[in-house]
């Protein structure tokens, strides 16, 4: 079965890749989970759109990854959240909220799927956050969750 990946699947490929998989794996897992779409000539045109979007947010090379790492490590990221008594949050902090907070702090645009957050952030405080920018480069920064 020929499919086009819409998300990164470990061991298979990145978004926009056209891959051949066994029928059962494609029909029973990749398609229902939304990780892929069935390959057609029309869908292949969508591949260019997917790859263009991936290129916009992807780190180009090792030097670019090191630049982004230096920019991130010198950044103070504050995230204002609603909290109750004792500093407990109403819900938890999501990776998308962290990426938005980095962008609001004049930081680079990051991919939320590459964030490594220690457990669930459910209270006010400072938390270390890591992001894998490149296979050889991992950056870390502190996220200050404050009541707002």
N, C-alpha and C. Protein backbone atom coordinates (compact mmCIF):
# COMPACT_ATOMS: atom_id res chain seq x y z
N UNK A 1 0.86 -1.18 0.00
CA UNK A 1 0.00 0.00 0.00
C UNK A 1 0.90 1.23 0.00
N UNK A 2 0.62 2.16 -0.89
CA UNK A 2 1.40 3.38 -1.00
C UNK A 2 0.66 4.49 -0.27
N UNK A 3 1.38 5.14 0.68
CA UNK A 3 0.75 6.20 1.48
C UNK A 3 1.66 7.43 1.54
N UNK A 4 1.07 8.54 1.95
CA UNK A 4 1.81 9.78 2.15
C UNK A 4 1.70 10.12 3.64
N UNK A 5 2.84 10.24 4.31
CA UNK A 5 2.84 10.55 5.74
C UNK A 5 2.46 12.01 5.97
N UNK A 6 1.59 12.24 6.96
CA UNK A 6 1.21 13.61 7.32
C UNK A 6 1.88 14.04 8.62
N UNK A 7 2.42 13.07 9.37
CA UNK A 7 3.15 13.36 10.60
C UNK A 7 4.38 12.48 10.63
N UNK A 8 5.32 12.83 11.52
CA UNK A 8 6.53 12.03 11.64
C UNK A 8 6.20 10.71 12.33
N UNK A 9 6.61 9.61 11.72
CA UNK A 9 6.42 8.27 12.28
C UNK A 9 7.80 7.67 12.42
N UNK A 10 8.19 7.34 13.66
CA UNK A 10 9.54 6.83 13.88
C UNK A 10 9.74 5.52 13.12
N UNK A 11 10.88 5.41 12.48
CA UNK A 11 11.21 4.22 11.72
C UNK A 11 10.58 4.17 10.34
N UNK A 12 9.79 5.17 9.99
CA UNK A 12 9.12 5.15 8.70
C UNK A 12 9.44 6.38 7.87
N UNK A 13 9.32 7.57 8.46
CA UNK A 13 9.63 8.77 7.69
C UNK A 13 9.08 10.02 8.32
N UNK A 14 9.22 11.11 7.57
CA UNK A 14 8.80 12.43 8.02
C UNK A 14 7.57 12.87 7.23
N UNK A 15 6.91 13.95 7.66
CA UNK A 15 5.74 14.42 6.93
C UNK A 15 6.07 14.72 5.47
N UNK A 16 5.20 14.28 4.58
CA UNK A 16 5.39 14.50 3.16
C UNK A 16 6.09 13.38 2.44
N UNK A 17 6.63 12.42 3.17
CA UNK A 17 7.31 11.28 2.54
C UNK A 17 6.28 10.31 1.96
N UNK A 18 6.57 9.79 0.80
CA UNK A 18 5.73 8.76 0.18
C UNK A 18 6.41 7.43 0.46
N UNK A 19 5.71 6.56 1.19
CA UNK A 19 6.30 5.28 1.58
C UNK A 19 5.36 4.12 1.22
N UNK A 20 5.96 2.95 1.10
CA UNK A 20 5.22 1.72 0.83
C UNK A 20 5.17 0.93 2.15
N UNK A 21 3.96 0.61 2.62
CA UNK A 21 3.80 -0.16 3.86
C UNK A 21 2.87 -1.34 3.58
N UNK A 22 2.85 -2.27 4.52
CA UNK A 22 1.93 -3.40 4.39
C UNK A 22 0.50 -2.89 4.54
N UNK A 23 -0.43 -3.55 3.85
CA UNK A 23 -1.82 -3.10 3.81
C UNK A 23 -2.43 -2.98 5.20
N UNK A 24 -2.22 -3.96 6.06
CA UNK A 24 -2.81 -3.95 7.39
C UNK A 24 -2.30 -2.80 8.25
N UNK A 25 -0.99 -2.53 8.19
CA UNK A 25 -0.40 -1.44 8.97
C UNK A 25 -0.97 -0.10 8.53
N UNK A 26 -1.11 0.07 7.22
CA UNK A 26 -1.66 1.32 6.72
C UNK A 26 -3.13 1.48 7.05
N UNK A 27 -3.93 0.46 6.76
CA UNK A 27 -5.38 0.52 6.96
C UNK A 27 -5.79 0.55 8.42
N UNK A 28 -5.09 -0.20 9.26
CA UNK A 28 -5.53 -0.36 10.64
C UNK A 28 -4.87 0.61 11.62
N UNK A 29 -3.73 1.19 11.26
CA UNK A 29 -3.05 2.08 12.20
C UNK A 29 -2.80 3.48 11.64
N UNK A 30 -2.05 3.56 10.54
CA UNK A 30 -1.64 4.87 10.04
C UNK A 30 -2.81 5.74 9.58
N UNK A 31 -3.72 5.19 8.82
CA UNK A 31 -4.84 5.99 8.31
C UNK A 31 -5.83 6.39 9.42
N UNK A 32 -6.28 5.47 10.29
CA UNK A 32 -7.22 5.89 11.34
C UNK A 32 -6.63 6.88 12.35
N UNK A 33 -5.32 6.79 12.61
CA UNK A 33 -4.68 7.70 13.56
C UNK A 33 -4.39 9.07 12.94
N UNK A 34 -4.55 9.18 11.62
CA UNK A 34 -4.29 10.44 10.95
C UNK A 34 -2.81 10.68 10.67
N UNK A 35 -2.01 9.63 10.74
CA UNK A 35 -0.58 9.75 10.47
C UNK A 35 -0.28 9.75 8.98
N UNK A 36 -1.25 9.34 8.15
CA UNK A 36 -1.00 9.22 6.72
C UNK A 36 -2.30 9.37 5.94
N UNK A 37 -2.14 9.62 4.64
CA UNK A 37 -3.27 9.61 3.72
C UNK A 37 -2.91 8.67 2.57
N UNK A 38 -3.93 8.14 1.90
CA UNK A 38 -3.70 7.23 0.80
C UNK A 38 -3.10 8.00 -0.37
N UNK A 39 -2.13 7.38 -1.04
CA UNK A 39 -1.46 8.03 -2.15
C UNK A 39 -2.35 8.06 -3.38
N UNK A 40 -2.52 9.24 -3.95
CA UNK A 40 -3.16 9.43 -5.25
C UNK A 40 -2.39 10.54 -5.95
N UNK A 41 -2.66 10.73 -7.22
CA UNK A 41 -1.96 11.81 -7.94
C UNK A 41 -2.31 13.18 -7.35
N UNK A 42 -3.58 13.35 -6.96
CA UNK A 42 -4.00 14.61 -6.35
C UNK A 42 -3.38 14.81 -4.98
N UNK A 43 -3.28 13.72 -4.21
CA UNK A 43 -2.68 13.82 -2.89
C UNK A 43 -1.20 14.08 -2.97
N UNK A 44 -0.58 13.63 -4.06
CA UNK A 44 0.86 13.88 -4.21
C UNK A 44 1.14 15.37 -4.36
N UNK A 45 0.19 16.12 -4.90
CA UNK A 45 0.34 17.57 -4.99
C UNK A 45 0.34 18.21 -3.61
N UNK A 46 -0.36 17.58 -2.66
CA UNK A 46 -0.38 18.09 -1.29
C UNK A 46 0.97 17.90 -0.61
N UNK A 47 1.76 16.95 -1.11
CA UNK A 47 3.07 16.68 -0.53
C UNK A 47 3.93 17.95 -0.58
N UNK A 48 3.85 18.69 -1.67
CA UNK A 48 4.66 19.91 -1.76
C UNK A 48 4.25 20.92 -0.71
N UNK A 49 2.95 21.01 -0.41
CA UNK A 49 2.48 21.93 0.62
C UNK A 49 2.97 21.48 1.99
N UNK A 50 2.91 20.18 2.26
CA UNK A 50 3.36 19.64 3.54
C UNK A 50 4.86 19.88 3.70
N UNK A 51 5.64 19.61 2.65
CA UNK A 51 7.08 19.78 2.74
C UNK A 51 7.47 21.25 2.89
N UNK A 52 6.72 22.15 2.27
CA UNK A 52 7.00 23.58 2.40
C UNK A 52 6.76 24.03 3.83
N UNK A 53 5.70 23.55 4.45
CA UNK A 53 5.41 23.90 5.85
C UNK A 53 6.48 23.33 6.77
N UNK A 54 6.93 22.11 6.49
CA UNK A 54 7.97 21.49 7.31
C UNK A 54 9.27 22.27 7.18
N UNK A 55 9.60 22.72 5.98
CA UNK A 55 10.83 23.48 5.75
C UNK A 55 10.84 24.81 6.48
N UNK A 56 9.67 25.41 6.67
CA UNK A 56 9.59 26.70 7.34
C UNK A 56 9.93 26.59 8.81
N UNK A 57 9.57 25.47 9.45
CA UNK A 57 9.82 25.37 10.89
C UNK A 57 10.99 24.47 11.24
N UNK A 58 11.62 23.88 10.24
CA UNK A 58 12.71 22.95 10.49
C UNK A 58 14.04 23.67 10.62
N UNK A 59 14.89 23.13 11.43
CA UNK A 59 16.24 23.65 11.59
C UNK A 59 17.05 23.20 10.36
N UNK A 60 17.72 24.14 9.71
CA UNK A 60 18.37 23.83 8.43
C UNK A 60 19.62 22.97 8.57
N UNK A 61 20.51 23.31 9.49
CA UNK A 61 21.74 22.55 9.63
C UNK A 61 22.28 22.70 11.05
N UNK A 62 23.43 22.14 11.31
CA UNK A 62 24.01 22.15 12.65
C UNK A 62 24.32 23.57 13.12
N UNK A 63 24.83 24.43 12.23
CA UNK A 63 25.14 25.81 12.62
C UNK A 63 23.87 26.57 13.00
N UNK A 64 22.81 26.37 12.23
CA UNK A 64 21.54 27.03 12.54
C UNK A 64 21.00 26.53 13.87
N UNK A 65 21.13 25.24 14.13
CA UNK A 65 20.68 24.67 15.41
C UNK A 65 21.44 25.28 16.57
N UNK A 66 22.73 25.48 16.41
CA UNK A 66 23.53 26.10 17.48
C UNK A 66 23.15 27.55 17.69
N UNK A 67 22.79 28.28 16.63
CA UNK A 67 22.32 29.66 16.76
C UNK A 67 21.02 29.72 17.56
N UNK A 68 20.09 28.82 17.22
CA UNK A 68 18.80 28.78 17.91
C UNK A 68 19.01 28.38 19.37
N UNK A 69 19.94 27.45 19.62
CA UNK A 69 20.25 27.03 20.99
C UNK A 69 20.76 28.21 21.81
N UNK A 70 21.68 29.00 21.26
CA UNK A 70 22.21 30.16 21.97
C UNK A 70 21.11 31.18 22.23
N UNK A 71 20.22 31.35 21.28
CA UNK A 71 19.11 32.29 21.45
C UNK A 71 18.15 31.82 22.54
N UNK A 72 17.88 30.51 22.59
CA UNK A 72 16.95 29.97 23.58
C UNK A 72 17.51 30.01 24.99
N UNK A 73 18.81 29.70 25.13
CA UNK A 73 19.38 29.60 26.47
C UNK A 73 19.54 30.96 27.14
N UNK A 74 19.51 32.04 26.37
CA UNK A 74 19.58 33.36 26.96
C UNK A 74 18.21 34.00 27.13
N UNK A 75 17.16 33.22 26.99
CA UNK A 75 15.80 33.74 26.98
C UNK A 75 15.11 33.52 28.32
N UNK A 76 14.34 34.52 28.76
CA UNK A 76 13.50 34.36 29.95
C UNK A 76 12.07 34.17 29.48
N UNK A 77 11.54 32.99 29.73
CA UNK A 77 10.19 32.65 29.25
C UNK A 77 9.24 32.62 30.44
N UNK A 78 8.23 33.50 30.41
CA UNK A 78 7.20 33.53 31.44
C UNK A 78 5.88 33.13 30.81
N UNK A 79 5.14 32.30 31.51
CA UNK A 79 3.84 31.85 31.02
C UNK A 79 2.80 32.17 32.09
N UNK A 80 1.86 33.05 31.77
CA UNK A 80 0.81 33.42 32.72
C UNK A 80 -0.36 32.44 32.56
N UNK A 81 -0.77 31.87 33.71
CA UNK A 81 -1.87 30.91 33.71
C UNK A 81 -2.83 31.22 34.85
N UNK A 82 -4.02 30.67 34.77
CA UNK A 82 -4.98 30.80 35.87
C UNK A 82 -4.67 29.73 36.90
N UNK A 83 -4.65 30.14 38.15
CA UNK A 83 -4.33 29.21 39.23
C UNK A 83 -5.24 29.47 40.42
N UNK A 84 -5.46 28.43 41.19
CA UNK A 84 -6.29 28.55 42.38
C UNK A 84 -5.44 28.72 43.62
N UNK A 85 -6.04 28.41 44.77
CA UNK A 85 -5.33 28.51 46.04
C UNK A 85 -4.15 27.55 46.06
N UNK A 86 -3.06 27.98 46.66
CA UNK A 86 -1.89 27.12 46.80
C UNK A 86 -1.08 27.00 45.51
N UNK A 87 -1.41 27.75 44.48
CA UNK A 87 -0.63 27.73 43.25
C UNK A 87 -0.94 26.59 42.30
N UNK A 88 -2.04 25.86 42.55
CA UNK A 88 -2.41 24.77 41.63
C UNK A 88 -3.14 25.35 40.42
N UNK A 89 -2.77 24.84 39.25
CA UNK A 89 -3.36 25.32 38.01
C UNK A 89 -4.72 24.67 37.75
N UNK A 90 -5.53 25.37 36.96
CA UNK A 90 -6.77 24.79 36.47
C UNK A 90 -6.41 24.07 35.16
N UNK A 91 -6.06 22.80 35.25
CA UNK A 91 -5.57 22.06 34.09
C UNK A 91 -4.06 21.95 34.16
N UNK A 92 -3.41 21.81 33.03
CA UNK A 92 -1.96 21.74 33.00
C UNK A 92 -1.44 22.51 31.79
N UNK A 93 -0.15 22.77 31.80
CA UNK A 93 0.48 23.53 30.72
C UNK A 93 0.77 22.57 29.56
N UNK A 94 0.38 22.96 28.36
CA UNK A 94 0.58 22.12 27.18
C UNK A 94 1.82 22.58 26.41
N UNK A 95 2.39 21.69 25.60
CA UNK A 95 3.53 22.09 24.77
C UNK A 95 3.20 23.26 23.84
N UNK A 96 1.98 23.33 23.34
CA UNK A 96 1.59 24.44 22.46
C UNK A 96 1.65 25.77 23.20
N UNK A 97 1.24 25.77 24.47
CA UNK A 97 1.31 27.00 25.28
C UNK A 97 2.76 27.41 25.52
N UNK A 98 3.65 26.43 25.70
CA UNK A 98 5.07 26.72 25.91
C UNK A 98 5.66 27.34 24.65
N UNK A 99 5.33 26.78 23.49
CA UNK A 99 5.83 27.32 22.22
C UNK A 99 5.34 28.75 22.02
N UNK A 100 4.07 29.01 22.34
CA UNK A 100 3.53 30.36 22.22
C UNK A 100 4.23 31.33 23.18
N UNK A 101 4.56 30.85 24.40
CA UNK A 101 5.25 31.70 25.37
C UNK A 101 6.66 32.03 24.89
N UNK A 102 7.34 31.09 24.25
CA UNK A 102 8.68 31.34 23.71
C UNK A 102 8.60 32.38 22.59
N UNK A 103 7.59 32.24 21.74
CA UNK A 103 7.42 33.20 20.65
C UNK A 103 7.10 34.59 21.20
N UNK A 104 6.28 34.65 22.25
CA UNK A 104 5.93 35.93 22.87
C UNK A 104 7.13 36.59 23.55
N UNK A 105 8.10 35.80 23.98
CA UNK A 105 9.31 36.32 24.62
C UNK A 105 10.38 36.66 23.59
N UNK A 106 9.98 36.86 22.34
CA UNK A 106 10.88 37.18 21.23
C UNK A 106 11.86 36.05 20.92
N UNK A 107 11.41 34.83 21.13
CA UNK A 107 12.23 33.67 20.82
C UNK A 107 11.91 33.11 19.45
N UNK A 108 12.61 32.06 19.04
CA UNK A 108 12.37 31.46 17.73
C UNK A 108 11.07 30.66 17.70
N UNK A 109 10.58 30.40 16.51
CA UNK A 109 9.40 29.55 16.34
C UNK A 109 9.87 28.11 16.49
N UNK A 110 9.23 27.37 17.41
CA UNK A 110 9.62 25.99 17.70
C UNK A 110 8.52 25.02 17.31
N UNK A 111 8.90 23.75 17.18
CA UNK A 111 7.96 22.68 16.91
C UNK A 111 7.58 22.06 18.25
N UNK A 112 6.31 22.10 18.60
CA UNK A 112 5.86 21.63 19.91
C UNK A 112 6.12 20.14 20.11
N UNK A 113 6.21 19.38 19.02
CA UNK A 113 6.40 17.93 19.14
C UNK A 113 7.82 17.56 19.56
N UNK A 114 8.74 18.50 19.49
CA UNK A 114 10.13 18.23 19.86
C UNK A 114 10.45 18.65 21.29
N UNK A 115 9.47 19.20 22.01
CA UNK A 115 9.68 19.62 23.40
C UNK A 115 9.74 18.41 24.32
N UNK A 116 10.60 18.49 25.32
CA UNK A 116 10.68 17.47 26.36
C UNK A 116 10.38 18.16 27.69
N UNK A 117 9.16 17.97 28.18
CA UNK A 117 8.71 18.61 29.41
C UNK A 117 8.74 17.57 30.52
N UNK A 118 9.28 17.91 31.70
CA UNK A 118 9.34 16.94 32.80
C UNK A 118 7.97 16.70 33.42
N UNK A 119 7.29 15.65 32.99
CA UNK A 119 5.97 15.34 33.55
C UNK A 119 4.94 16.37 33.15
N UNK A 120 3.90 16.48 33.95
CA UNK A 120 2.85 17.46 33.71
C UNK A 120 3.09 18.67 34.60
N UNK A 121 2.99 19.84 34.03
CA UNK A 121 3.16 21.08 34.80
C UNK A 121 1.78 21.47 35.31
N UNK A 122 1.56 21.30 36.62
CA UNK A 122 0.25 21.55 37.20
C UNK A 122 0.28 22.54 38.35
N UNK A 123 1.43 23.21 38.55
CA UNK A 123 1.50 24.22 39.61
C UNK A 123 2.45 25.33 39.19
N UNK A 124 2.36 26.43 39.90
CA UNK A 124 3.20 27.60 39.62
C UNK A 124 4.63 27.31 40.04
N UNK A 125 5.59 27.80 39.26
CA UNK A 125 7.00 27.62 39.59
C UNK A 125 7.87 27.67 38.36
N UNK A 126 9.14 27.32 38.53
CA UNK A 126 10.10 27.30 37.43
C UNK A 126 10.35 25.85 37.03
N UNK A 127 10.35 25.60 35.73
CA UNK A 127 10.52 24.25 35.22
C UNK A 127 11.56 24.25 34.10
N UNK A 128 12.47 23.24 34.11
CA UNK A 128 13.42 23.13 33.00
C UNK A 128 12.73 22.46 31.81
N UNK A 129 12.91 23.03 30.63
CA UNK A 129 12.32 22.46 29.41
C UNK A 129 13.44 22.23 28.42
N UNK A 130 13.45 21.06 27.78
CA UNK A 130 14.45 20.75 26.76
C UNK A 130 13.75 20.62 25.42
N UNK A 131 14.48 20.95 24.37
CA UNK A 131 13.96 20.78 23.02
C UNK A 131 15.07 20.24 22.13
N UNK A 132 14.72 19.23 21.36
CA UNK A 132 15.68 18.62 20.45
C UNK A 132 15.61 19.37 19.12
N UNK A 133 16.60 20.22 18.89
CA UNK A 133 16.64 21.06 17.70
C UNK A 133 17.18 20.32 16.48
N UNK A 134 18.10 19.42 16.74
CA UNK A 134 18.84 18.71 15.68
C UNK A 134 19.25 17.38 16.30
N UNK A 135 19.52 16.35 15.51
CA UNK A 135 19.95 15.09 16.14
C UNK A 135 21.14 15.22 17.07
N UNK A 136 21.98 16.25 16.86
CA UNK A 136 23.16 16.44 17.71
C UNK A 136 23.04 17.60 18.68
N UNK A 137 21.96 18.38 18.60
CA UNK A 137 21.84 19.59 19.43
C UNK A 137 20.54 19.57 20.22
N UNK A 138 20.67 19.67 21.54
CA UNK A 138 19.52 19.79 22.42
C UNK A 138 19.70 21.06 23.25
N UNK A 139 18.69 21.91 23.22
CA UNK A 139 18.74 23.16 23.98
C UNK A 139 17.84 23.04 25.20
N UNK A 140 18.15 23.82 26.23
CA UNK A 140 17.30 23.83 27.41
C UNK A 140 17.10 25.27 27.86
N UNK A 141 15.94 25.51 28.44
CA UNK A 141 15.64 26.84 28.98
C UNK A 141 14.69 26.66 30.15
N UNK A 142 14.58 27.69 30.97
CA UNK A 142 13.69 27.65 32.13
C UNK A 142 12.37 28.31 31.78
N UNK A 143 11.30 27.65 32.15
CA UNK A 143 9.96 28.17 31.95
C UNK A 143 9.43 28.58 33.31
N UNK A 144 9.09 29.85 33.46
CA UNK A 144 8.52 30.34 34.72
C UNK A 144 7.01 30.41 34.55
N UNK A 145 6.30 29.56 35.27
CA UNK A 145 4.85 29.57 35.25
C UNK A 145 4.37 30.48 36.38
N UNK A 146 3.69 31.57 36.00
CA UNK A 146 3.24 32.56 36.98
C UNK A 146 1.73 32.72 36.90
N UNK A 147 1.17 33.15 38.02
CA UNK A 147 -0.28 33.37 38.06
C UNK A 147 -0.59 34.68 37.37
N UNK A 148 -1.60 34.63 36.48
CA UNK A 148 -1.90 35.85 35.76
C UNK A 148 -3.30 36.05 35.50
